Amino acid sequence: MRLKVCGLTDMNQVRQLNDWGVHFCGFIFYPKSPRYVLNNNTTEAIKRVKGTINKVGVFVNEKEDNILKMVDECGLYLIQLHGDETPRTCENLSNYVTTIKAFRISENDNILWKIKDYQDVVDIFLFDTEGVGYGGTGKKFNWNMLKGLSIRKPFLLSGGIQPDDVPELQNFMQDSVAKDLFAFDINSKFEIAPGIKNLALVHEFFNQVNPL
């Protein structure tokens, strides 16, 4: 199974992930985030990171022109929209770059209703946990809410995934919804500090989920 490591701020760590064969790295371009990648990096430094790892830019209610500017200046391969972006905005951007739309899930949500207007205008969905504001919460939503659904689009599973969740993820993959599961997305539960990952934990987790 593919893995995305999000919220990275250290380009040397990104290079290490690339060497291991990790599939995606996420850079947060949201100034209010403690993992805002441009606090300590230039766009040129991000662009210089090469390899097979796919660079994903995470944006929250950002202007379309600014997003496309960052795609060009940083050499991003995908974008992830984590705010309240409209289907029209998503469609406009997906004409230029592979686009992930994130949905923050709460216990009472009708997931199929929530995603229906985005079904034909983005490339990939991501399901995360509802929280205050737009950042990750480090908490899980109820993954059972996805079971039995037909998402009909590749999706990333996010929201508080931690190192000892492999058995639960293996169980999730037995459900019919997993036919559309594209990747796991990890972040804060694998950190030493915001934006700095515990690479030993990431490497162990990757070795466990990569063969799934």
C-alpha atoms as a PDB file:
ATOM      1  CA  MET A   1       0.000   0.000   0.000  1.00  0.00           C
ATOM      2  CA  ARG A   2       1.227   3.473  -0.849  1.00  0.00           C
ATOM      3  CA  LEU A   3       2.271   5.866   1.915  1.00  0.00           C
ATOM      4  CA  LYS A   4       2.129   9.660   2.137  1.00  0.00           C
ATOM      5  CA  VAL A   5       4.136  11.369   4.862  1.00  0.00           C
ATOM      6  CA  CYS A   6       2.659  14.822   5.365  1.00  0.00           C
ATOM      7  CA  GLY A   7       3.738  17.988   7.152  1.00  0.00           C
ATOM      8  CA  LEU A   8       7.437  17.723   6.291  1.00  0.00           C
ATOM      9  CA  THR A   9       9.727  20.712   6.767  1.00  0.00           C
ATOM     10  CA  ASP A  10      13.205  19.137   6.563  1.00  0.00           C
ATOM     11  CA  MET A  11      14.334  18.486   2.986  1.00  0.00           C
ATOM     12  CA  ASN A  12      16.994  16.023   4.184  1.00  0.00           C
ATOM     13  CA  GLN A  13      14.219  13.919   5.694  1.00  0.00           C
ATOM     14  CA  VAL A  14      12.374  14.063   2.362  1.00  0.00           C
ATOM     15  CA  ARG A  15      15.472  12.759   0.607  1.00  0.00           C
ATOM     16  CA  GLN A  16      15.688   9.896   3.087  1.00  0.00           C
ATOM     17  CA  LEU A  17      12.043   8.997   2.491  1.00  0.00           C
ATOM     18  CA  ASN A  18      12.735   9.023  -1.240  1.00  0.00           C
ATOM     19  CA  ASP A  19      15.665   6.656  -0.769  1.00  0.00           C
ATOM     20  CA  TRP A  20      13.379   4.221   1.094  1.00  0.00           C
ATOM     21  CA  GLY A  21      10.805   4.320  -1.691  1.00  0.00           C
ATOM     22  CA  VAL A  22       8.055   6.231   0.153  1.00  0.00           C
ATOM     23  CA  HIS A  23       5.509   7.278  -2.449  1.00  0.00           C
ATOM     24  CA  PHE A  24       4.370  10.777  -1.407  1.00  0.00           C
ATOM     25  CA  CYS A  25       5.603  13.655   0.764  1.00  0.00           C
ATOM     26  CA  GLY A  26       3.323  16.498   1.828  1.00  0.00           C
ATOM     27  CA  PHE A  27       4.339  20.139   2.233  1.00  0.00           C
ATOM     28  CA  ILE A  28       1.883  22.436   3.996  1.00  0.00           C
ATOM     29  CA  PHE A  29       1.496  25.885   2.412  1.00  0.00           C
ATOM     30  CA  TYR A  30      -0.851  27.228   5.080  1.00  0.00           C
ATOM     31  CA  PRO A  31       0.807  30.014   7.094  1.00  0.00           C
ATOM     32  CA  LYS A  32      -1.221  29.294  10.244  1.00  0.00           C
ATOM     33  CA  SER A  33       0.103  25.733  10.442  1.00  0.00           C
ATOM     34  CA  PRO A  34       3.057  24.929  12.739  1.00  0.00           C
ATOM     35  CA  ARG A  35       4.261  22.832   9.784  1.00  0.00           C
ATOM     36  CA  TYR A  36       4.202  25.706   7.285  1.00  0.00           C
ATOM     37  CA  VAL A  37       6.975  24.656   4.954  1.00  0.00           C
ATOM     38  CA  LEU A  38       8.045  28.157   3.912  1.00  0.00           C
ATOM     39  CA  ASN A  39       8.914  29.144   7.482  1.00  0.00           C
ATOM     40  CA  ASN A  40      12.297  27.484   7.080  1.00  0.00           C
ATOM     41  CA  ASN A  41      12.599  26.719   3.361  1.00  0.00           C
ATOM     42  CA  THR A  42      12.686  28.574   0.085  1.00  0.00           C
ATOM     43  CA  THR A  43      10.652  27.481  -2.909  1.00  0.00           C
ATOM     44  CA  GLU A  44      13.931  26.746  -4.693  1.00  0.00           C
ATOM     45  CA  ALA A  45      15.039  24.380  -1.899  1.00  0.00           C
ATOM     46  CA  ILE A  46      11.785  22.456  -2.274  1.00  0.00           C
ATOM     47  CA  LYS A  47      12.140  22.359  -6.050  1.00  0.00           C
ATOM     48  CA  ARG A  48      15.658  20.927  -5.764  1.00  0.00           C
ATOM     49  CA  VAL A  49      14.317  17.789  -4.078  1.00  0.00           C
ATOM     50  CA  LYS A  50      14.328  15.175  -6.839  1.00  0.00           C
ATOM     51  CA  GLY A  51      13.590  11.479  -7.047  1.00  0.00           C
ATOM     52  CA  THR A  52      10.653   9.143  -7.357  1.00  0.00           C
ATOM     53  CA  ILE A  53       8.819  10.564  -4.335  1.00  0.00           C
ATOM     54  CA  ASN A  54       5.790  12.640  -5.362  1.00  0.00           C
ATOM     55  CA  LYS A  55       5.702  16.137  -3.872  1.00  0.00           C
ATOM     56  CA  VAL A  56       2.231  17.189  -2.667  1.00  0.00           C
ATOM     57  CA  GLY A  57       1.390  20.784  -1.762  1.00  0.00           C
ATOM     58  CA  VAL A  58      -1.321  21.200   0.873  1.00  0.00           C
ATOM     59  CA  PHE A  59      -3.382  24.405   0.626  1.00  0.00           C
ATOM     60  CA  VAL A  60      -6.279  25.862   2.602  1.00  0.00           C
ATOM     61  CA  ASN A  61      -8.662  28.276   0.847  1.00  0.00           C
ATOM     62  CA  GLU A  62      -5.777  29.687  -1.176  1.00  0.00           C
ATOM     63  CA  LYS A  63      -6.232  31.696  -4.370  1.00  0.00           C
ATOM     64  CA  GLU A  64      -5.954  29.614  -7.525  1.00  0.00           C
ATOM     65  CA  ASP A  65      -3.184  31.769  -8.970  1.00  0.00           C
ATOM     66  CA  ASN A  66      -1.115  31.436  -5.804  1.00  0.00           C
ATOM     67  CA  ILE A  67      -1.522  27.659  -5.825  1.00  0.00           C
ATOM     68  CA  LEU A  68      -0.378  27.365  -9.424  1.00  0.00           C
ATOM     69  CA  LYS A  69       2.543  29.692  -8.676  1.00  0.00           C
ATOM     70  CA  MET A  70       3.682  27.357  -5.887  1.00  0.00           C
ATOM     71  CA  VAL A  71       3.208  24.316  -8.138  1.00  0.00           C
ATOM     72  CA  ASP A  72       5.623  25.870 -10.608  1.00  0.00           C
ATOM     73  CA  GLU A  73       8.129  27.352  -8.162  1.00  0.00           C
ATOM     74  CA  CYS A  74       8.332  24.234  -5.967  1.00  0.00           C
ATOM     75  CA  GLY A  75       7.978  21.556  -8.621  1.00  0.00           C
ATOM     76  CA  LEU A  76       4.879  20.051  -7.012  1.00  0.00           C
ATOM     77  CA  TYR A  77       3.365  16.954  -8.613  1.00  0.00           C
ATOM     78  CA  LEU A  78       0.012  17.073  -6.812  1.00  0.00           C
ATOM     79  CA  ILE A  79      -1.999  19.513  -4.735  1.00  0.00           C
ATOM     80  CA  GLN A  80      -4.229  18.772  -1.744  1.00  0.00           C
ATOM     81  CA  LEU A  81      -7.074  21.169  -0.996  1.00  0.00           C
ATOM     82  CA  HIS A  82      -7.881  21.060   2.696  1.00  0.00           C
ATOM     83  CA  GLY A  83     -10.251  23.990   3.091  1.00  0.00           C
ATOM     84  CA  ASP A  84     -13.727  24.891   1.867  1.00  0.00           C
ATOM     85  CA  GLU A  85     -12.841  24.945  -1.814  1.00  0.00           C
ATOM     86  CA  THR A  86     -15.817  24.845  -4.178  1.00  0.00           C
ATOM     87  CA  PRO A  87     -16.247  22.230  -6.889  1.00  0.00           C
ATOM     88  CA  ARG A  88     -15.584  24.966  -9.483  1.00  0.00           C
ATOM     89  CA  THR A  89     -12.247  25.855  -7.876  1.00  0.00           C
ATOM     90  CA  CYS A  90     -11.296  22.199  -7.704  1.00  0.00           C
ATOM     91  CA  GLU A  91     -12.201  21.689 -11.346  1.00  0.00           C
ATOM     92  CA  ASN A  92     -10.194  24.713 -12.462  1.00  0.00           C
ATOM     93  CA  LEU A  93      -7.097  23.509 -10.632  1.00  0.00           C
ATOM     94  CA  SER A  94      -7.442  19.894 -11.683  1.00  0.00           C
ATOM     95  CA  ASN A  95      -7.163  21.032 -15.290  1.00  0.00           C
ATOM     96  CA  TYR A  96      -3.538  21.916 -14.523  1.00  0.00           C
ATOM     97  CA  VAL A  97      -2.366  19.567 -11.768  1.00  0.00           C
ATOM     98  CA  THR A  98      -3.469  16.317 -10.131  1.00  0.00           C
ATOM     99  CA  THR A  99      -5.804  17.408  -7.342  1.00  0.00           C
ATOM    100  CA  ILE A 100      -6.708  15.796  -4.010  1.00  0.00           C
ATOM    101  CA  LYS A 101      -9.762  17.121  -2.149  1.00  0.00           C
ATOM    102  CA  ALA A 102      -9.734  16.561   1.600  1.00  0.00           C
ATOM    103  CA  PHE A 103     -12.952  16.041   3.556  1.00  0.00           C
ATOM    104  CA  ARG A 104     -13.076  16.430   7.326  1.00  0.00           C
ATOM    105  CA  ILE A 105     -15.371  13.748   8.709  1.00  0.00           C
ATOM    106  CA  SER A 106     -17.493  13.955  11.856  1.00  0.00           C
ATOM    107  CA  GLU A 107     -19.639  11.248  13.408  1.00  0.00           C
ATOM    108  CA  ASN A 108     -22.909  12.477  11.892  1.00  0.00           C
ATOM    109  CA  ASP A 109     -21.685  13.020   8.323  1.00  0.00           C
ATOM    110  CA  ASN A 110     -23.216  11.378   5.281  1.00  0.00           C
ATOM    111  CA  ILE A 111     -19.969  10.777   3.440  1.00  0.00           C
ATOM    112  CA  LEU A 112     -21.466  10.010   0.037  1.00  0.00           C
ATOM    113  CA  TRP A 113     -23.515  13.203   0.181  1.00  0.00           C
ATOM    114  CA  LYS A 114     -20.462  15.187   1.242  1.00  0.00           C
ATOM    115  CA  ILE A 115     -18.367  14.072  -1.720  1.00  0.00           C
ATOM    116  CA  LYS A 116     -21.029  13.952  -4.447  1.00  0.00           C
ATOM    117  CA  ASP A 117     -20.424  17.419  -5.941  1.00  0.00           C
ATOM    118  CA  TYR A 118     -16.688  16.713  -6.182  1.00  0.00           C
ATOM    119  CA  GLN A 119     -16.935  13.282  -7.787  1.00  0.00           C
ATOM    120  CA  ASP A 120     -16.203  14.480 -11.311  1.00  0.00           C
ATOM    121  CA  VAL A 121     -13.942  17.469 -10.630  1.00  0.00           C
ATOM    122  CA  VAL A 122     -10.959  16.099  -8.665  1.00  0.00           C
ATOM    123  CA  ASP A 123      -8.666  13.132  -9.065  1.00  0.00           C
ATOM    124  CA  ILE A 124      -8.376  11.772  -5.530  1.00  0.00           C
ATOM    125  CA  PHE A 125     -10.243  12.146  -2.224  1.00  0.00           C
ATOM    126  CA  LEU A 126      -8.764  12.261   1.280  1.00  0.00           C
ATOM    127  CA  PHE A 127     -10.702  11.552   4.459  1.00  0.00           C
ATOM    128  CA  ASP A 128      -9.510  13.220   7.657  1.00  0.00           C
ATOM    129  CA  THR A 129     -10.939  14.027  11.088  1.00  0.00           C
ATOM    130  CA  GLU A 130     -13.176  17.054  11.686  1.00  0.00           C
ATOM    131  CA  GLY A 131     -11.638  19.519  14.104  1.00  0.00           C
ATOM    132  CA  VAL A 132     -11.455  23.188  15.010  1.00  0.00           C
ATOM    133  CA  GLY A 133      -9.960  25.115  12.101  1.00  0.00           C
ATOM    134  CA  TYR A 134      -8.308  23.448   9.140  1.00  0.00           C
ATOM    135  CA  GLY A 135      -5.281  21.685  10.525  1.00  0.00           C
ATOM    136  CA  GLY A 136      -4.983  18.013  11.327  1.00  0.00           C
ATOM    137  CA  THR A 137      -6.245  16.986  14.734  1.00  0.00           C
ATOM    138  CA  GLY A 138      -4.008  13.982  15.325  1.00  0.00           C
ATOM    139  CA  LYS A 139      -7.202  12.076  16.109  1.00  0.00           C
ATOM    140  CA  LYS A 140      -9.014   9.345  14.237  1.00  0.00           C
ATOM    141  CA  PHE A 141     -12.496   9.601  12.883  1.00  0.00           C
ATOM    142  CA  ASN A 142     -14.630   6.480  12.891  1.00  0.00           C
ATOM    143  CA  TRP A 143     -13.158   4.548   9.951  1.00  0.00           C
ATOM    144  CA  ASN A 144     -16.133   2.174  10.131  1.00  0.00           C
ATOM    145  CA  MET A 145     -18.210   4.963   8.561  1.00  0.00           C
ATOM    146  CA  LEU A 146     -16.430   4.229   5.276  1.00  0.00           C
ATOM    147  CA  LYS A 147     -17.007   0.500   5.351  1.00  0.00           C
ATOM    148  CA  GLY A 148     -19.395  -0.802   2.739  1.00  0.00           C
ATOM    149  CA  LEU A 149     -19.411   2.460   0.775  1.00  0.00           C
ATOM    150  CA  SER A 150     -18.652   2.744  -2.923  1.00  0.00           C
ATOM    151  CA  ILE A 151     -16.429   5.820  -3.123  1.00  0.00           C
ATOM    152  CA  ARG A 152     -15.814   5.379  -6.879  1.00  0.00           C
ATOM    153  CA  LYS A 153     -12.594   7.375  -6.707  1.00  0.00           C
ATOM    154  CA  PRO A 154      -9.147   6.676  -5.253  1.00  0.00           C
ATOM    155  CA  PHE A 155      -8.902   7.943  -1.675  1.00  0.00           C
ATOM    156  CA  LEU A 156      -6.324   8.468   1.043  1.00  0.00           C
ATOM    157  CA  LEU A 157      -7.089   7.451   4.615  1.00  0.00           C
ATOM    158  CA  SER A 158      -5.841  10.025   7.106  1.00  0.00           C
ATOM    159  CA  GLY A 159      -6.583  11.258  10.600  1.00  0.00           C
ATOM    160  CA  GLY A 160      -4.412  10.267  13.523  1.00  0.00           C
ATOM    161  CA  ILE A 161      -2.884   7.115  12.070  1.00  0.00           C
ATOM    162  CA  GLN A 162      -0.190   5.969  14.504  1.00  0.00           C
ATOM    163  CA  PRO A 163       2.602   3.398  14.515  1.00  0.00           C
ATOM    164  CA  ASP A 164       0.611   0.605  16.179  1.00  0.00           C
ATOM    165  CA  ASP A 165      -2.395   0.886  13.858  1.00  0.00           C
ATOM    166  CA  VAL A 166      -1.195  -1.709  11.341  1.00  0.00           C
ATOM    167  CA  PRO A 167      -3.583  -4.476  12.505  1.00  0.00           C
ATOM    168  CA  GLU A 168      -6.538  -2.062  12.345  1.00  0.00           C
ATOM    169  CA  LEU A 169      -5.472  -0.940   8.878  1.00  0.00           C
ATOM    170  CA  GLN A 170      -5.161  -4.554   7.762  1.00  0.00           C
ATOM    171  CA  ASN A 171      -8.716  -5.123   8.976  1.00  0.00           C
ATOM    172  CA  PHE A 172      -9.934  -2.024   7.130  1.00  0.00           C
ATOM    173  CA  MET A 173      -8.398  -3.332   3.925  1.00  0.00           C
ATOM    174  CA  GLN A 174     -10.595  -6.427   4.063  1.00  0.00           C
ATOM    175  CA  ASP A 175     -13.710  -4.307   3.523  1.00  0.00           C
ATOM    176  CA  SER A 176     -15.152  -3.667   0.070  1.00  0.00           C
ATOM    177  CA  VAL A 177     -14.456   0.074   0.358  1.00  0.00           C
ATOM    178  CA  ALA A 178     -10.742  -0.674   0.252  1.00  0.00           C
ATOM    179  CA  LYS A 179     -10.937  -1.382  -3.476  1.00  0.00           C
ATOM    180  CA  ASP A 180     -10.665   2.408  -3.844  1.00  0.00           C
ATOM    181  CA  LEU A 181      -8.055   2.894  -1.085  1.00  0.00           C
ATOM    182  CA  PHE A 182      -5.090   4.649  -2.695  1.00  0.00           C
ATOM    183  CA  ALA A 183      -2.725   5.405   0.210  1.00  0.00           C
ATOM    184  CA  PHE A 184      -2.327   5.895   3.941  1.00  0.00           C
ATOM    185  CA  ASP A 185      -1.502   9.427   5.095  1.00  0.00           C
ATOM    186  CA  ILE A 186       0.554   9.896   8.271  1.00  0.00           C
ATOM    187  CA  ASN A 187       1.714  13.001  10.080  1.00  0.00           C
ATOM    188  CA  SER A 188       1.758  14.081  13.720  1.00  0.00           C
ATOM    189  CA  LYS A 189       1.864  10.643  15.376  1.00  0.00           C
ATOM    190  CA  PHE A 190       5.267  10.096  13.766  1.00  0.00           C
ATOM    191  CA  GLU A 191       6.888  13.342  14.883  1.00  0.00           C
ATOM    192  CA  ILE A 192       9.638  14.473  17.217  1.00  0.00           C
ATOM    193  CA  ALA A 193       8.454  18.071  16.815  1.00  0.00           C
ATOM    194  CA  PRO A 194       6.036  19.759  14.381  1.00  0.00           C
ATOM    195  CA  GLY A 195       7.378  19.132  10.890  1.00  0.00           C
ATOM    196  CA  ILE A 196      10.250  16.896  12.044  1.00  0.00           C
ATOM    197  CA  LYS A 197       9.550  13.183  11.742  1.00  0.00           C
ATOM    198  CA  ASN A 198      10.804  10.277  13.800  1.00  0.00           C
ATOM    199  CA  LEU A 199      12.303   8.522  10.802  1.00  0.00           C
ATOM    200  CA  ALA A 200      12.788   5.245  12.645  1.00  0.00           C
ATOM    201  CA  LEU A 201       9.036   5.052  13.309  1.00  0.00           C
ATOM    202  CA  VAL A 202       8.218   6.046   9.736  1.00  0.00           C
ATOM    203  CA  HIS A 203      10.602   3.438   8.310  1.00  0.00           C
ATOM    204  CA  GLU A 204       9.189   0.638  10.466  1.00  0.00           C
ATOM    205  CA  PHE A 205       5.609   1.588   9.592  1.00  0.00           C
ATOM    206  CA  PHE A 206       6.432   1.815   5.882  1.00  0.00           C
ATOM    207  CA  ASN A 207       8.023  -1.614   5.911  1.00  0.00           C
ATOM    208  CA  GLN A 208       4.857  -3.009   7.496  1.00  0.00           C
ATOM    209  CA  VAL A 209       2.273  -1.391   5.232  1.00  0.00           C
ATOM    210  CA  ASN A 210       4.162  -1.287   1.927  1.00  0.00           C
ATOM    211  CA  PRO A 211       3.547  -4.990   1.179  1.00  0.00           C
ATOM    212  CA  LEU A 212      -0.185  -4.759   1.991  1.00  0.00           C
END
